[in-house]
Amino acid sequence: MTERRIARFFHELARRVAWPVEVVLTGGAAARLEGGVRPTVDVDFEARARSRRGAAWAALTAAIAEAGH
C-alpha cells in the first residue's frame, strides 16, 4: 500500500460522506505514513461519527465499502 493509495482511499471516502467523521489510522498504513517500509495490503482504521444509529451509520459503512473499490 503506497502513500498515494492511502490518500486516494480517504479522498474517495470524504467525497461520499457529508458529515464530520474522525478517522484513527492504525496498522501498516499508519506506519507507512510515518515512514515505515514494511509492506501492507490494506488500510486499518477506526471511524468515529457522532451518530452510530440508523441511516447515518449505514451510509458511512456503505461509503467505506465504495471508497475501497
N, C-alpha and C. Protein backbone atom coordinates (compact mmCIF):
# COMPACT_ATOMS: atom_id res chain seq x y z
N MET A 1 0.86 -1.17 0.00
CA MET A 1 0.00 0.00 0.00
C MET A 1 0.90 1.23 0.00
N THR A 2 0.74 2.05 -0.99
CA THR A 2 1.54 3.27 -1.09
C THR A 2 0.84 4.43 -0.40
N GLU A 3 1.59 5.47 -0.11
CA GLU A 3 1.00 6.67 0.48
C GLU A 3 -0.08 7.23 -0.44
N ARG A 4 0.17 7.16 -1.73
CA ARG A 4 -0.80 7.67 -2.71
C ARG A 4 -2.12 6.90 -2.65
N ARG A 5 -2.05 5.58 -2.54
CA ARG A 5 -3.28 4.78 -2.47
C ARG A 5 -4.03 5.03 -1.18
N ILE A 6 -3.31 5.22 -0.09
CA ILE A 6 -3.95 5.54 1.20
C ILE A 6 -4.68 6.87 1.08
N ALA A 7 -4.00 7.87 0.54
CA ALA A 7 -4.62 9.19 0.37
C ALA A 7 -5.82 9.12 -0.55
N ARG A 8 -5.73 8.34 -1.62
CA ARG A 8 -6.84 8.21 -2.56
C ARG A 8 -8.06 7.58 -1.88
N PHE A 9 -7.83 6.56 -1.05
CA PHE A 9 -8.94 5.93 -0.34
C PHE A 9 -9.68 6.95 0.52
N PHE A 10 -8.93 7.73 1.31
CA PHE A 10 -9.58 8.69 2.20
C PHE A 10 -10.19 9.86 1.43
N HIS A 11 -9.61 10.22 0.31
CA HIS A 11 -10.21 11.25 -0.54
C HIS A 11 -11.57 10.75 -1.06
N GLU A 12 -11.60 9.53 -1.54
CA GLU A 12 -12.86 8.95 -2.03
C GLU A 12 -13.88 8.83 -0.92
N LEU A 13 -13.44 8.46 0.26
CA LEU A 13 -14.36 8.37 1.40
C LEU A 13 -14.93 9.75 1.72
N ALA A 14 -14.09 10.76 1.75
CA ALA A 14 -14.53 12.14 2.06
C ALA A 14 -15.54 12.64 1.03
N ARG A 15 -15.38 12.24 -0.23
CA ARG A 15 -16.34 12.66 -1.26
C ARG A 15 -17.72 12.07 -1.02
N ARG A 16 -17.77 10.94 -0.33
CA ARG A 16 -19.03 10.22 -0.14
C ARG A 16 -19.73 10.53 1.18
N VAL A 17 -19.03 11.18 2.11
CA VAL A 17 -19.59 11.44 3.44
C VAL A 17 -19.74 12.94 3.64
N ALA A 18 -20.95 13.36 3.97
CA ALA A 18 -21.26 14.80 4.06
C ALA A 18 -21.34 15.29 5.50
N TRP A 19 -20.82 14.54 6.46
CA TRP A 19 -20.86 14.95 7.84
C TRP A 19 -19.50 14.64 8.48
N PRO A 20 -19.19 15.26 9.62
CA PRO A 20 -17.89 15.05 10.25
C PRO A 20 -17.70 13.61 10.72
N VAL A 21 -16.55 13.06 10.39
CA VAL A 21 -16.15 11.73 10.84
C VAL A 21 -14.68 11.83 11.24
N GLU A 22 -14.37 11.39 12.42
CA GLU A 22 -12.98 11.33 12.86
C GLU A 22 -12.44 9.96 12.49
N VAL A 23 -11.25 9.93 11.91
CA VAL A 23 -10.62 8.68 11.48
C VAL A 23 -9.33 8.49 12.25
N VAL A 24 -9.16 7.30 12.84
CA VAL A 24 -7.93 6.95 13.52
C VAL A 24 -7.28 5.85 12.69
N LEU A 25 -6.19 6.18 12.05
CA LEU A 25 -5.47 5.25 11.19
C LEU A 25 -4.57 4.38 12.04
N THR A 26 -4.58 3.07 11.80
CA THR A 26 -3.78 2.13 12.58
C THR A 26 -3.06 1.18 11.64
N GLY A 27 -2.30 0.29 12.20
CA GLY A 27 -1.68 -0.79 11.43
C GLY A 27 -0.61 -0.32 10.46
N GLY A 28 -0.41 -1.14 9.43
CA GLY A 28 0.64 -0.91 8.46
C GLY A 28 0.50 0.39 7.68
N ALA A 29 -0.73 0.81 7.41
CA ALA A 29 -0.94 2.06 6.68
C ALA A 29 -0.48 3.25 7.52
N ALA A 30 -0.75 3.22 8.81
CA ALA A 30 -0.28 4.29 9.70
C ALA A 30 1.24 4.29 9.74
N ALA A 31 1.82 3.12 9.84
CA ALA A 31 3.28 3.02 9.86
C ALA A 31 3.88 3.54 8.55
N ARG A 32 3.23 3.23 7.45
CA ARG A 32 3.72 3.70 6.15
C ARG A 32 3.76 5.22 6.09
N LEU A 33 2.71 5.87 6.58
CA LEU A 33 2.67 7.33 6.56
C LEU A 33 3.68 7.95 7.53
N GLU A 34 4.13 7.15 8.49
CA GLU A 34 5.15 7.62 9.44
C GLU A 34 6.56 7.26 8.97
N GLY A 35 6.67 6.72 7.74
CA GLY A 35 7.97 6.42 7.18
C GLY A 35 8.37 4.96 7.19
N GLY A 36 7.48 4.10 7.65
CA GLY A 36 7.78 2.67 7.67
C GLY A 36 7.86 2.10 6.26
N VAL A 37 8.61 1.05 6.10
CA VAL A 37 8.77 0.44 4.78
C VAL A 37 8.17 -0.96 4.69
N ARG A 38 7.67 -1.46 5.79
CA ARG A 38 7.05 -2.79 5.79
C ARG A 38 5.79 -2.77 4.94
N PRO A 39 5.67 -3.69 4.00
CA PRO A 39 4.51 -3.67 3.10
C PRO A 39 3.19 -4.02 3.81
N THR A 40 2.12 -3.44 3.31
CA THR A 40 0.78 -3.75 3.78
C THR A 40 -0.15 -3.72 2.58
N VAL A 41 -1.25 -4.45 2.65
CA VAL A 41 -2.18 -4.50 1.52
C VAL A 41 -3.55 -3.92 1.86
N ASP A 42 -3.70 -3.43 3.09
CA ASP A 42 -5.00 -2.89 3.47
C ASP A 42 -4.81 -1.61 4.29
N VAL A 43 -5.93 -0.98 4.58
CA VAL A 43 -5.93 0.23 5.41
C VAL A 43 -6.80 -0.06 6.62
N ASP A 44 -6.16 -0.15 7.77
CA ASP A 44 -6.89 -0.38 9.02
C ASP A 44 -7.16 0.96 9.68
N PHE A 45 -8.40 1.17 10.09
CA PHE A 45 -8.75 2.43 10.74
C PHE A 45 -10.03 2.27 11.53
N GLU A 46 -10.23 3.22 12.43
CA GLU A 46 -11.49 3.31 13.17
C GLU A 46 -12.17 4.60 12.73
N ALA A 47 -13.45 4.53 12.46
CA ALA A 47 -14.23 5.71 12.09
C ALA A 47 -15.12 6.07 13.27
N ARG A 48 -15.03 7.31 13.69
CA ARG A 48 -15.85 7.79 14.81
C ARG A 48 -16.78 8.87 14.29
N ALA A 49 -18.05 8.56 14.30
CA ALA A 49 -19.07 9.51 13.86
C ALA A 49 -19.95 9.87 15.06
N ARG A 50 -20.56 11.03 15.00
CA ARG A 50 -21.42 11.45 16.11
C ARG A 50 -22.57 10.47 16.34
N SER A 51 -23.10 9.95 15.26
CA SER A 51 -24.22 9.02 15.38
C SER A 51 -23.83 7.67 14.79
N ARG A 52 -24.06 6.63 15.54
CA ARG A 52 -23.83 5.28 15.03
C ARG A 52 -25.16 4.57 14.81
N ARG A 53 -26.20 5.35 14.69
CA ARG A 53 -27.53 4.76 14.52
C ARG A 53 -28.06 4.97 13.13
N GLY A 54 -28.96 4.11 12.77
CA GLY A 54 -29.79 4.27 11.60
C GLY A 54 -29.08 4.57 10.31
N ALA A 55 -29.68 5.44 9.55
CA ALA A 55 -29.26 5.72 8.18
C ALA A 55 -27.85 6.30 8.10
N ALA A 56 -27.46 7.14 9.06
CA ALA A 56 -26.14 7.76 9.00
C ALA A 56 -25.03 6.73 9.11
N TRP A 57 -25.16 5.80 10.06
CA TRP A 57 -24.14 4.78 10.22
C TRP A 57 -24.14 3.82 9.03
N ALA A 58 -25.30 3.47 8.52
CA ALA A 58 -25.39 2.61 7.34
C ALA A 58 -24.77 3.29 6.13
N ALA A 59 -25.00 4.60 5.99
CA ALA A 59 -24.42 5.34 4.87
C ALA A 59 -22.90 5.41 4.99
N LEU A 60 -22.38 5.57 6.20
CA LEU A 60 -20.93 5.60 6.40
C LEU A 60 -20.33 4.23 6.04
N THR A 61 -20.96 3.17 6.49
CA THR A 61 -20.48 1.82 6.17
C THR A 61 -20.47 1.59 4.67
N ALA A 62 -21.51 2.01 3.98
CA ALA A 62 -21.56 1.87 2.52
C ALA A 62 -20.49 2.72 1.84
N ALA A 63 -20.26 3.93 2.34
CA ALA A 63 -19.25 4.81 1.76
C ALA A 63 -17.86 4.22 1.90
N ILE A 64 -17.58 3.58 3.03
CA ILE A 64 -16.29 2.92 3.23
C ILE A 64 -16.11 1.80 2.21
N ALA A 65 -17.14 1.00 2.02
CA ALA A 65 -17.07 -0.08 1.05
C ALA A 65 -16.87 0.44 -0.37
N GLU A 66 -17.58 1.49 -0.72
CA GLU A 66 -17.48 2.07 -2.07
C GLU A 66 -16.10 2.69 -2.29
N ALA A 67 -15.58 3.36 -1.29
CA ALA A 67 -14.28 4.03 -1.44
C ALA A 67 -13.15 3.02 -1.63
N GLY A 68 -13.34 1.82 -1.11
CA GLY A 68 -12.32 0.79 -1.22
C GLY A 68 -12.32 0.03 -2.54
N HIS A 69 -13.26 0.32 -3.39
CA HIS A 69 -13.32 -0.43 -4.66
C HIS A 69 -12.77 0.36 -5.79
